[in-house]
Amino acid sequence: MAEVLTTDLTEGILSGDGIFDALMRANKAHLEDEFNKNRIKGPEYSTVYLGSLNTVMQLSLQLLLERQKVDLEAQVLEAQLLQAAAQLLQTEAQTALITQQNLNSVKEGELLDEQITKLIAETDAVIQNTANALVEHDNIVAQHASILANTEQAEQQVINLKAQLPQITAQTGLITQQKLNLVTEGMLITANVTKTTQETANLSKQNLLIIEQTSMANQQRLNAVTENATMLTQQDALRKNTLKVEDETLQVRQQTANLLTQNSQIKAQTGLVTQQAVNAVVEKAVLENQVCKLKAEFDILTEQRAKTISETGLLQQKLATEKAQVLTGIAADDSVIGRQKSLYKAQSDGLARNAEQAATKIMVDTWNTRRLTDETGTLADTVNKLSDKHVGNAVTKLLSGIGAAIA
């Protein structure tokens, strides 16, 4: 904005170019013309001159200030025009953004449809997995019942073996006692054999004595032969008895070995049954854990199915919201999106009305200024487009924009 100078008002000389100088020359010319026509007498001339001087001074100051005001208003208008252009660019950018958002919303809608289809397929898969888990749970329950039956049978076998254990222990003790008796008899037989061997040695010595005494009497030889035959018979009997005892000892040993083998087998069977019982208890615990796990997985699948249903509903609601942002006739007028659309439209219309009102006000202000300062017909000038016609067009556009009736 240009600075207001005193020379703009007056240069201090009659031929100056200031507003006051020019107006006073025009005023003086009019006064002289009126005086020459005797319309103003001598005493009145000073009064009219002073009045016109004050009026011209006030009008000069007013015109100078009005020019400054018009300059300021022109700058304000330029700034408003720039602001309107910026708002227009912003509106265009927002429009492009909304268009892009609409396209994105359509793509998001398609993506949501795909996600919904995927979620439905996953839900079906979860339902199928749940059915399979239930079937597997039934199979595990059946296996658990079978294992319980086997466990009961093994426990019954353990009970039977425990009931037979005293009898087997008694038999083992009896066999041990028989073995001890046989060992005692064997020791006795061994002692007899030793005694018999000693006696045989003595008999041999006697035979040698008999042979050496061959010259003895026949009666003594016969007696010796008889005694020898008797001793041989007794030796054969002792040998047979020894063989019998040895056979009985071998039988007892075999029976003992068989009993020990049976005892080992019984112990092995008892350990096996005990291990089976322990394994059955462990398997029972494992099956119970599997049942708990399957129940937990079933609960998780149920929760996932409920979550999937909730997410599906949320995605459908989001799809409806996105469609309402890009399509008309979906969102209700009293909804958030409907009110936002109404607000955007009102803001857009308000920007257009503000631009119309600003332009019309500037043209009307210039018309007022020109009307007060120019009576030579410059209002009809079309160079700067500030004539009555252009002002009228601006006012007509303003009235049509606000919906006012035009006469």
Protein backbone atom coordinates (compact mmCIF):
# COMPACT_ATOMS: atom_id res chain seq x y z
CA MET A 1 0.00 0.00 0.00
CA ALA A 2 1.33 3.44 -1.02
CA GLU A 3 2.04 5.95 1.77
CA VAL A 4 -0.38 8.91 2.05
CA LEU A 5 1.56 12.17 1.44
CA THR A 6 0.58 15.81 2.00
CA THR A 7 1.28 16.54 -1.66
CA ASP A 8 -1.49 14.11 -2.52
CA LEU A 9 -3.88 16.51 -0.78
CA THR A 10 -2.29 19.83 -1.91
CA GLU A 11 1.05 21.07 -3.25
CA GLY A 12 0.53 24.52 -1.71
CA ILE A 13 0.12 26.37 -5.01
CA LEU A 14 -2.92 27.24 -7.11
CA SER A 15 -1.67 25.16 -10.03
CA GLY A 16 -0.87 22.16 -7.86
CA ASP A 17 -1.91 18.58 -8.71
CA GLY A 18 -3.26 17.73 -5.26
CA ILE A 19 -6.88 16.73 -4.80
CA PHE A 20 -7.65 19.92 -2.87
CA ASP A 21 -5.88 22.05 -5.52
CA ALA A 22 -7.88 20.50 -8.35
CA LEU A 23 -11.20 20.71 -6.46
CA MET A 24 -10.56 24.34 -5.46
CA ARG A 25 -9.82 25.33 -9.03
CA ALA A 26 -13.06 23.73 -10.11
CA ASN A 27 -14.88 25.34 -7.16
CA LYS A 28 -13.37 28.72 -7.92
CA ALA A 29 -14.40 28.44 -11.56
CA HIS A 30 -17.98 27.68 -10.51
CA LEU A 31 -17.98 30.54 -7.98
CA GLU A 32 -16.64 32.99 -10.57
CA ASP A 33 -19.23 31.77 -13.06
CA GLU A 34 -22.02 32.29 -10.51
CA PHE A 35 -20.59 35.67 -9.49
CA ASN A 36 -20.31 36.84 -13.06
CA LYS A 37 -23.93 35.87 -13.59
CA ASN A 38 -24.82 37.95 -10.50
CA ARG A 39 -26.24 34.94 -8.75
CA ILE A 40 -23.90 35.56 -5.84
CA LYS A 41 -23.51 39.10 -4.51
CA GLY A 42 -20.39 40.58 -2.99
CA PRO A 43 -21.17 40.00 0.71
CA GLU A 44 -22.33 36.46 -0.03
CA TYR A 45 -19.23 35.59 -2.01
CA SER A 46 -17.01 35.29 1.05
CA THR A 47 -19.58 33.19 2.88
CA VAL A 48 -20.05 30.84 -0.09
CA TYR A 49 -16.32 30.74 -0.66
CA LEU A 50 -15.56 29.82 2.94
CA GLY A 51 -18.34 27.22 2.95
CA SER A 52 -17.15 25.72 -0.31
CA LEU A 53 -13.57 25.86 0.99
CA ASN A 54 -14.50 23.82 4.06
CA THR A 55 -16.58 21.46 1.94
CA VAL A 56 -13.81 21.00 -0.61
CA MET A 57 -11.28 20.40 2.15
CA GLN A 58 -13.49 17.79 3.80
CA LEU A 59 -14.27 16.19 0.45
CA SER A 60 -10.59 16.18 -0.49
CA LEU A 61 -9.66 14.48 2.76
CA GLN A 62 -12.55 12.04 2.29
CA LEU A 63 -11.52 11.25 -1.27
CA LEU A 64 -7.89 10.81 -0.21
CA LEU A 65 -8.94 8.47 2.57
CA GLU A 66 -11.40 6.71 0.28
CA ARG A 67 -8.63 6.18 -2.25
CA GLN A 68 -6.48 4.72 0.50
CA LYS A 69 -9.46 2.61 1.57
CA VAL A 70 -10.06 1.45 -1.99
CA ASP A 71 -6.38 0.55 -2.25
CA LEU A 72 -6.64 -1.42 0.95
CA GLU A 73 -9.86 -3.07 -0.19
CA ALA A 74 -8.22 -3.94 -3.49
CA GLN A 75 -5.38 -5.59 -1.60
CA VAL A 76 -7.88 -7.38 0.64
CA LEU A 77 -9.79 -8.48 -2.45
CA GLU A 78 -6.59 -9.72 -4.02
CA ALA A 79 -5.78 -11.63 -0.84
CA GLN A 80 -9.34 -13.00 -0.75
CA LEU A 81 -9.08 -13.97 -4.39
CA LEU A 82 -5.81 -15.73 -3.65
CA GLN A 83 -7.45 -17.38 -0.64
CA ALA A 84 -10.44 -18.37 -2.76
CA ALA A 85 -8.07 -19.78 -5.39
CA ALA A 86 -6.22 -21.66 -2.65
CA GLN A 87 -9.52 -22.91 -1.24
CA LEU A 88 -10.55 -23.89 -4.75
CA LEU A 89 -7.29 -25.81 -5.18
CA GLN A 90 -7.82 -27.34 -1.76
CA THR A 91 -11.38 -28.26 -2.74
CA GLU A 92 -10.11 -29.81 -5.95
CA ALA A 93 -7.45 -31.67 -3.98
CA GLN A 94 -10.10 -32.82 -1.51
CA THR A 95 -12.30 -33.87 -4.41
CA ALA A 96 -9.42 -35.83 -5.95
CA LEU A 97 -8.68 -37.31 -2.52
CA ILE A 98 -12.34 -38.27 -2.07
CA THR A 99 -12.33 -39.80 -5.56
CA GLN A 100 -9.19 -41.76 -4.70
CA GLN A 101 -10.76 -42.76 -1.39
CA ASN A 102 -13.83 -43.90 -3.28
CA LEU A 103 -11.65 -46.04 -5.53
CA ASN A 104 -9.77 -47.32 -2.49
CA SER A 105 -13.09 -48.02 -0.78
CA VAL A 106 -14.22 -50.06 -3.78
CA LYS A 107 -10.94 -51.99 -3.70
CA GLU A 108 -11.27 -52.39 0.06
CA GLY A 109 -14.81 -53.61 -0.47
CA GLU A 110 -13.56 -56.22 -2.91
CA LEU A 111 -10.79 -57.13 -0.47
CA LEU A 112 -13.35 -57.36 2.32
CA ASP A 113 -15.47 -59.65 0.16
CA GLU A 114 -12.42 -61.86 -0.38
CA GLN A 115 -11.65 -61.78 3.34
CA ILE A 116 -15.25 -62.68 4.15
CA THR A 117 -15.09 -65.60 1.70
CA LYS A 118 -11.78 -66.68 3.24
CA LEU A 119 -13.20 -66.37 6.75
CA ILE A 120 -16.24 -68.45 5.75
CA ALA A 121 -13.92 -71.12 4.32
CA GLU A 122 -11.79 -71.01 7.46
CA THR A 123 -14.96 -71.26 9.57
CA ASP A 124 -16.03 -74.34 7.61
CA ALA A 125 -12.54 -75.80 8.08
CA VAL A 126 -12.73 -75.07 11.81
CA ILE A 127 -16.14 -76.77 11.98
CA GLN A 128 -14.75 -79.81 10.09
CA ASN A 129 -11.72 -79.90 12.38
CA THR A 130 -14.05 -79.70 15.36
CA ALA A 131 -16.06 -82.66 14.02
CA ASN A 132 -12.84 -84.62 13.40
CA ALA A 133 -11.68 -83.74 16.90
CA LEU A 134 -14.97 -85.01 18.32
CA VAL A 135 -14.60 -88.29 16.37
CA GLU A 136 -11.01 -88.62 17.60
CA HIS A 137 -12.23 -87.85 21.11
CA ASP A 138 -14.78 -90.70 20.82
CA ASN A 139 -12.04 -93.05 19.58
CA ILE A 140 -9.79 -92.06 22.46
CA VAL A 141 -12.65 -92.60 24.91
CA ALA A 142 -13.19 -96.10 23.42
CA GLN A 143 -9.44 -96.81 23.66
CA HIS A 144 -9.48 -95.53 27.21
CA ALA A 145 -12.33 -97.93 28.07
CA SER A 146 -10.42 -100.83 26.45
CA ILE A 147 -7.27 -99.94 28.37
CA LEU A 148 -9.29 -99.74 31.57
CA ALA A 149 -10.66 -103.25 30.87
CA ASN A 150 -7.13 -104.56 30.18
CA THR A 151 -5.92 -102.81 33.33
CA GLU A 152 -8.64 -104.49 35.36
CA GLN A 153 -7.75 -107.88 33.82
CA ALA A 154 -4.04 -107.33 34.59
CA GLU A 155 -4.92 -106.28 38.14
CA GLN A 156 -7.00 -109.47 38.49
CA GLN A 157 -4.05 -111.53 37.23
CA VAL A 158 -1.80 -109.80 39.76
CA ILE A 159 -4.33 -110.61 42.49
CA ASN A 160 -4.45 -114.29 41.38
CA LEU A 161 -0.67 -114.49 41.31
CA LYS A 162 -0.50 -112.92 44.75
CA ALA A 163 -3.04 -115.52 45.95
CA GLN A 164 -0.93 -118.34 44.41
CA LEU A 165 2.30 -116.90 45.82
CA PRO A 166 1.90 -118.44 49.34
CA GLN A 167 1.21 -121.87 47.78
CA ILE A 168 4.27 -121.54 45.52
CA THR A 169 6.34 -120.42 48.53
CA ALA A 170 5.11 -123.43 50.51
CA GLN A 171 5.98 -125.75 47.62
CA THR A 172 9.40 -124.14 47.32
CA GLY A 173 9.99 -124.66 51.06
CA LEU A 174 8.88 -128.30 50.80
CA ILE A 175 11.19 -128.88 47.86
CA THR A 176 14.02 -127.20 49.77
CA GLN A 177 13.36 -129.46 52.76
CA GLN A 178 13.32 -132.51 50.47
CA LYS A 179 16.58 -131.35 48.99
CA LEU A 180 18.10 -131.04 52.46
CA ASN A 181 16.83 -134.51 53.33
CA LEU A 182 18.32 -135.91 50.13
CA VAL A 183 21.60 -134.17 50.88
CA THR A 184 21.54 -135.75 54.35
CA GLU A 185 20.78 -139.18 52.90
CA GLY A 186 23.54 -138.66 50.32
CA MET A 187 25.99 -137.86 53.11
CA LEU A 188 24.91 -141.02 54.94
CA ILE A 189 25.28 -143.07 51.76
CA THR A 190 28.68 -141.51 51.14
CA ALA A 191 29.72 -142.45 54.67
CA ASN A 192 28.46 -146.01 54.05
CA VAL A 193 30.35 -146.11 50.75
CA THR A 194 33.50 -144.95 52.50
CA LYS A 195 32.94 -147.56 55.16
CA THR A 196 32.30 -150.17 52.46
CA THR A 197 35.43 -149.10 50.60
CA GLN A 198 37.42 -149.46 53.80
CA GLU A 199 35.90 -152.82 54.41
CA THR A 200 36.68 -153.79 50.78
CA ALA A 201 40.29 -152.78 51.39
CA ASN A 202 40.32 -154.89 54.53
CA LEU A 203 38.77 -157.78 52.63
CA SER A 204 41.45 -157.45 49.99
CA LYS A 205 44.04 -157.68 52.66
CA GLN A 206 42.27 -160.70 54.08
CA ASN A 207 42.14 -162.22 50.57
CA LEU A 208 45.83 -161.70 50.28
CA LEU A 209 46.26 -163.37 53.65
CA ILE A 210 43.97 -166.19 52.50
CA ILE A 211 45.96 -166.58 49.27
CA GLU A 212 49.20 -166.62 51.20
CA GLN A 213 47.73 -169.11 53.61
CA THR A 214 46.56 -171.36 50.83
CA SER A 215 47.93 -174.08 52.77
CA MET A 216 45.40 -173.47 55.48
CA ALA A 217 42.65 -175.80 55.99
CA ASN A 218 39.87 -176.24 53.45
CA GLN A 219 37.35 -175.40 56.07
CA GLN A 220 38.89 -171.98 56.58
CA ARG A 221 39.09 -171.45 52.79
CA LEU A 222 35.43 -172.32 52.35
CA ASN A 223 34.50 -170.00 55.16
CA ALA A 224 36.60 -167.27 53.58
CA VAL A 225 34.98 -167.85 50.16
CA THR A 226 31.54 -167.71 51.75
CA GLU A 227 32.36 -164.57 53.61
CA ASN A 228 33.81 -163.06 50.40
CA ALA A 229 30.67 -163.86 48.44
CA THR A 230 28.57 -162.32 51.19
CA MET A 231 30.70 -159.19 51.15
CA LEU A 232 30.43 -158.97 47.33
CA THR A 233 26.67 -159.25 47.59
CA GLN A 234 26.60 -156.52 50.17
CA GLN A 235 28.91 -154.34 48.00
CA ASP A 236 26.61 -154.78 44.97
CA ALA A 237 23.62 -153.86 47.12
CA LEU A 238 25.47 -150.81 48.37
CA ARG A 239 26.38 -149.81 44.80
CA LYS A 240 22.77 -150.20 43.68
CA ASN A 241 21.59 -148.14 46.67
CA THR A 242 24.21 -145.48 45.82
CA LEU A 243 23.04 -145.32 42.20
CA LYS A 244 19.42 -145.05 43.40
CA VAL A 245 20.33 -142.22 45.75
CA GLU A 246 22.23 -140.48 42.96
CA ASP A 247 19.20 -140.83 40.64
CA GLU A 248 16.91 -139.45 43.33
CA THR A 249 19.37 -136.60 43.92
CA LEU A 250 19.39 -135.78 40.21
CA GLN A 251 15.58 -135.85 40.14
CA VAL A 252 15.41 -133.56 43.17
CA ARG A 253 17.92 -131.21 41.55
CA GLN A 254 15.89 -131.22 38.33
CA GLN A 255 12.69 -130.58 40.27
CA THR A 256 14.46 -127.79 42.17
CA ALA A 257 15.70 -126.28 38.90
CA ASN A 258 12.20 -126.57 37.43
CA LEU A 259 10.72 -124.91 40.51
CA LEU A 260 13.35 -122.18 40.34
CA THR A 261 12.57 -121.73 36.65
CA GLN A 262 8.84 -121.58 37.42
CA ASN A 263 9.55 -119.13 40.25
CA SER A 264 11.59 -116.95 37.86
CA GLN A 265 8.81 -117.15 35.27
CA ILE A 266 6.24 -116.28 37.92
CA LYS A 267 8.41 -113.34 39.07
CA ALA A 268 8.85 -112.25 35.43
CA GLN A 269 5.11 -112.54 34.83
CA THR A 270 4.45 -110.65 38.06
CA GLY A 271 6.90 -107.91 37.00
CA LEU A 272 5.34 -107.84 33.53
CA VAL A 273 1.84 -107.59 34.97
CA THR A 274 3.03 -104.90 37.39
CA GLN A 275 4.69 -103.01 34.54
CA GLN A 276 1.51 -103.41 32.49
CA ALA A 277 -0.48 -102.04 35.40
CA VAL A 278 1.93 -99.09 35.70
CA ASN A 279 1.79 -98.57 31.94
CA ALA A 280 -1.99 -98.75 32.06
CA VAL A 281 -2.04 -96.07 34.78
CA VAL A 282 0.36 -93.93 32.74
CA GLU A 283 -1.68 -94.47 29.57
CA LYS A 284 -4.81 -93.61 31.52
CA ALA A 285 -3.20 -90.36 32.68
CA VAL A 286 -2.03 -89.65 29.11
CA LEU A 287 -5.52 -90.34 27.74
CA GLU A 288 -7.05 -88.12 30.41
CA ASN A 289 -4.58 -85.38 29.44
CA GLN A 290 -5.45 -85.91 25.77
CA VAL A 291 -9.14 -85.68 26.64
CA CYS A 292 -8.50 -82.42 28.53
CA LYS A 293 -6.40 -81.16 25.62
CA LEU A 294 -9.11 -82.04 23.11
CA LYS A 295 -11.72 -80.33 25.27
CA ALA A 296 -9.49 -77.24 25.51
CA GLU A 297 -8.91 -77.31 21.72
CA PHE A 298 -12.65 -77.69 21.21
CA ASP A 299 -13.26 -74.67 23.46
CA ILE A 300 -10.59 -72.73 21.56
CA LEU A 301 -12.15 -73.69 18.22
CA THR A 302 -15.55 -72.62 19.55
CA GLU A 303 -14.10 -69.26 20.63
CA GLN A 304 -12.33 -68.89 17.26
CA ARG A 305 -15.60 -69.62 15.49
CA ALA A 306 -17.39 -66.98 17.57
CA LYS A 307 -14.52 -64.56 16.92
CA THR A 308 -14.68 -65.32 13.19
CA ILE A 309 -18.43 -64.66 13.18
CA SER A 310 -17.86 -61.36 15.03
CA GLU A 311 -15.09 -60.35 12.61
CA THR A 312 -17.33 -61.25 9.69
CA GLY A 313 -20.08 -59.00 11.07
CA LEU A 314 -17.54 -56.23 11.68
CA LEU A 315 -16.18 -56.54 8.13
CA GLN A 316 -19.70 -56.44 6.72
CA GLN A 317 -20.43 -53.31 8.77
CA LYS A 318 -17.16 -51.77 7.59
CA LEU A 319 -18.05 -52.66 3.99
CA ALA A 320 -21.43 -50.96 4.43
CA THR A 321 -19.66 -47.90 5.90
CA GLU A 322 -17.16 -47.74 3.02
CA LYS A 323 -19.96 -48.08 0.45
CA ALA A 324 -21.90 -45.33 2.21
CA GLN A 325 -18.90 -43.02 1.73
CA VAL A 326 -18.79 -43.51 -2.05
CA LEU A 327 -22.37 -44.35 -3.02
CA THR A 328 -25.53 -42.31 -2.62
CA GLY A 329 -28.76 -43.49 -1.09
CA ILE A 330 -27.08 -45.81 1.46
CA ALA A 331 -26.32 -43.66 4.50
CA ALA A 332 -29.30 -42.01 6.20
CA ASP A 333 -29.37 -38.21 6.34
CA ASP A 334 -29.24 -38.21 10.15
CA SER A 335 -26.25 -40.62 10.24
CA VAL A 336 -22.65 -39.50 10.79
CA ILE A 337 -21.68 -40.04 7.14
CA GLY A 338 -24.89 -38.37 5.92
CA ARG A 339 -24.25 -35.33 8.10
CA GLN A 340 -20.60 -35.22 6.94
CA LYS A 341 -21.73 -35.22 3.30
CA SER A 342 -24.22 -32.43 4.07
CA LEU A 343 -21.46 -30.49 5.86
CA TYR A 344 -19.03 -30.89 2.93
CA LYS A 345 -21.70 -29.72 0.50
CA ALA A 346 -22.58 -26.76 2.71
CA GLN A 347 -18.89 -25.82 3.03
CA SER A 348 -18.42 -26.05 -0.73
CA ASP A 349 -21.52 -23.89 -1.35
CA GLY A 350 -20.35 -21.47 1.37
CA LEU A 351 -16.96 -21.01 -0.33
CA ALA A 352 -18.67 -20.24 -3.63
CA ARG A 353 -21.08 -17.78 -1.93
CA ASN A 354 -18.20 -16.06 -0.08
CA ALA A 355 -16.34 -15.53 -3.34
CA GLU A 356 -19.51 -14.11 -4.96
CA GLN A 357 -20.23 -11.84 -1.97
CA ALA A 358 -16.61 -10.57 -1.83
CA ALA A 359 -16.53 -9.78 -5.57
CA THR A 360 -19.98 -8.13 -5.44
CA LYS A 361 -19.05 -6.03 -2.39
CA ILE A 362 -15.89 -4.76 -4.09
CA MET A 363 -17.82 -3.81 -7.21
CA VAL A 364 -20.59 -2.12 -5.19
CA ASP A 365 -18.00 -0.20 -3.11
CA THR A 366 -16.27 1.02 -6.25
CA TRP A 367 -19.67 1.93 -7.62
CA ASN A 368 -20.43 3.98 -4.51
CA THR A 369 -17.08 5.76 -4.72
CA ARG A 370 -17.44 6.49 -8.39
CA ARG A 371 -21.00 7.60 -7.85
CA LEU A 372 -19.88 10.18 -5.29
CA THR A 373 -16.88 11.44 -7.28
CA ASP A 374 -17.78 11.03 -10.97
CA GLU A 375 -20.84 12.50 -12.69
CA THR A 376 -19.47 12.44 -16.22
CA GLY A 377 -20.82 9.03 -17.21
CA THR A 378 -17.81 6.85 -16.44
CA LEU A 379 -20.16 4.36 -14.82
CA ALA A 380 -20.89 3.13 -18.30
CA ASP A 381 -17.20 2.31 -18.87
CA THR A 382 -16.60 -1.36 -19.68
CA VAL A 383 -12.81 -1.33 -19.74
CA ASN A 384 -12.39 -2.28 -16.06
CA LYS A 385 -15.75 -4.10 -15.98
CA LEU A 386 -17.07 -1.86 -13.22
CA SER A 387 -20.01 -0.37 -15.11
CA ASP A 388 -23.64 -0.51 -13.95
CA LYS A 389 -24.14 -3.52 -16.18
CA HIS A 390 -21.26 -5.48 -14.64
CA VAL A 391 -22.26 -4.44 -11.14
CA GLY A 392 -25.80 -5.54 -11.92
CA ASN A 393 -24.56 -8.91 -13.21
CA ALA A 394 -22.56 -9.43 -10.00
CA VAL A 395 -25.57 -8.53 -7.84
CA THR A 396 -27.79 -10.85 -9.91
CA LYS A 397 -25.28 -13.71 -9.46
CA LEU A 398 -25.16 -12.97 -5.72
CA LEU A 399 -28.93 -13.02 -5.35
CA SER A 400 -29.29 -16.21 -7.39
CA GLY A 401 -26.57 -17.83 -5.27
CA ILE A 402 -28.41 -17.15 -2.01
CA GLY A 403 -31.72 -18.17 -3.58
CA ALA A 404 -33.30 -14.69 -3.45
CA ALA A 405 -36.04 -13.76 -5.89
CA ILE A 406 -34.96 -11.46 -8.73
CA ALA A 407 -37.60 -8.96 -9.90
